[in-house]
Amino acid sequence: SITKERTEVILQGTSSLDPNDPAAVWEDFEFKCKPGDLRRRPCLISPYHYRLDWLMWFAAFQTYEQNEWIIHLAGKLLAQEEETLSLLATNPFAGRDPP
């Protein structure tokens, strides 16, 4: 069955020195086929899915303790690891200091 509502995990980063500052600007890491920006045209790939995008969908049904790989993914994004960034559609920190 398909649910009527869909919970999404959104990974964001900020260049703010104080991430708790209400004025901090948070930027989304966009995935290739995971729902995100509502102005972006949905992707269509068949018969396969991008594995990371697919895993993110299922991660939204559980906690990060049940999906420890998300913590490792976030660490690789913070380190601006090229191999990991190649799995994403956009890197909002390209050409800048890492978040």
Protein backbone atom coordinates (compact mmCIF):
# COMPACT_ATOMS: atom_id res chain seq x y z
CA SER A 1 0.00 0.00 0.00
CA ILE A 2 1.01 3.61 -0.42
CA THR A 3 0.65 6.16 2.37
CA LYS A 4 -1.25 9.40 1.87
CA GLU A 5 1.48 11.46 3.54
CA ARG A 6 5.20 11.25 2.96
CA THR A 7 7.79 12.19 5.54
CA GLU A 8 11.13 13.33 4.12
CA VAL A 9 14.62 13.50 5.58
CA ILE A 10 16.25 16.75 4.50
CA LEU A 11 20.00 17.22 4.85
CA GLN A 12 21.07 20.84 5.27
CA GLY A 13 24.24 22.76 6.04
CA THR A 14 25.08 26.30 7.05
CA SER A 15 28.12 28.54 6.72
CA SER A 16 27.07 30.45 9.82
CA LEU A 17 29.60 30.46 12.65
CA ASP A 18 26.72 29.88 15.07
CA PRO A 19 24.26 27.33 13.69
CA ASN A 20 21.85 28.14 16.54
CA ASP A 21 21.63 31.78 15.47
CA PRO A 22 18.09 32.47 14.18
CA ALA A 23 19.67 34.44 11.31
CA ALA A 24 21.71 31.42 10.15
CA VAL A 25 20.97 30.48 6.54
CA TRP A 26 20.48 26.73 6.03
CA GLU A 27 20.94 25.31 2.54
CA ASP A 28 19.62 21.96 1.29
CA PHE A 29 21.69 19.22 -0.26
CA GLU A 30 19.52 18.18 -3.21
CA PHE A 31 19.34 14.56 -4.28
CA LYS A 32 19.06 13.40 -7.87
CA CYS A 33 15.57 11.87 -7.63
CA LYS A 34 14.41 12.33 -4.05
CA PRO A 35 11.57 14.85 -3.68
CA GLY A 36 12.92 18.26 -2.77
CA ASP A 37 12.51 21.61 -4.46
CA LEU A 38 8.85 21.81 -5.54
CA ARG A 39 9.83 23.88 -8.59
CA ARG A 40 12.10 21.11 -9.89
CA ARG A 41 10.68 18.72 -12.43
CA PRO A 42 10.39 15.18 -11.00
CA CYS A 43 12.91 12.73 -12.38
CA LEU A 44 11.86 9.53 -14.05
CA ILE A 45 14.16 6.55 -14.16
CA SER A 46 13.02 3.04 -14.80
CA PRO A 47 13.22 0.24 -13.91
CA TYR A 48 15.81 1.18 -11.27
CA HIS A 49 16.13 3.85 -8.58
CA TYR A 50 19.12 5.79 -7.33
CA ARG A 51 20.05 3.72 -4.28
CA LEU A 52 20.83 6.61 -1.93
CA ASP A 53 17.57 8.38 -2.81
CA TRP A 54 15.69 5.13 -2.22
CA LEU A 55 17.37 4.60 1.17
CA MET A 56 16.51 8.15 2.20
CA TRP A 57 12.84 7.41 1.59
CA PHE A 58 12.91 4.44 3.96
CA ALA A 59 15.04 6.30 6.50
CA ALA A 60 12.15 8.74 6.97
CA PHE A 61 10.07 5.92 8.45
CA GLN A 62 12.57 5.30 11.26
CA THR A 63 15.01 7.10 13.56
CA TYR A 64 18.65 7.84 12.82
CA GLU A 65 19.60 5.20 15.41
CA GLN A 66 17.99 2.63 13.13
CA ASN A 67 19.83 4.10 10.12
CA GLU A 68 23.34 4.85 11.38
CA TRP A 69 24.57 5.24 7.81
CA ILE A 70 22.92 8.70 7.76
CA ILE A 71 25.41 9.91 10.41
CA HIS A 72 28.29 8.68 8.23
CA LEU A 73 26.72 10.33 5.17
CA ALA A 74 26.44 13.66 7.03
CA GLY A 75 30.10 13.39 8.08
CA LYS A 76 31.17 12.82 4.48
CA LEU A 77 29.10 15.82 3.36
CA LEU A 78 30.70 17.98 6.06
CA ALA A 79 34.13 16.83 4.85
CA GLN A 80 33.09 17.65 1.26
CA GLU A 81 34.12 14.16 0.10
CA GLU A 82 33.94 14.17 -3.70
CA GLU A 83 32.78 10.55 -4.05
CA THR A 84 29.84 11.20 -1.74
CA LEU A 85 28.97 14.55 -3.33
CA SER A 86 28.82 12.82 -6.72
CA LEU A 87 25.75 10.94 -5.46
CA LEU A 88 23.85 14.22 -5.06
CA ALA A 89 22.27 16.56 -7.59
CA THR A 90 23.66 19.73 -6.02
CA ASN A 91 26.24 20.80 -3.48
CA PRO A 92 25.22 24.20 -2.09
CA PHE A 93 28.77 24.68 -0.80
CA ALA A 94 30.63 24.06 -4.07
CA GLY A 95 33.53 26.49 -4.35
CA ARG A 96 33.07 27.65 -0.76
CA ASP A 97 34.23 26.54 2.66
CA PRO A 98 32.49 23.38 3.87
CA PRO A 99 29.46 23.75 6.12
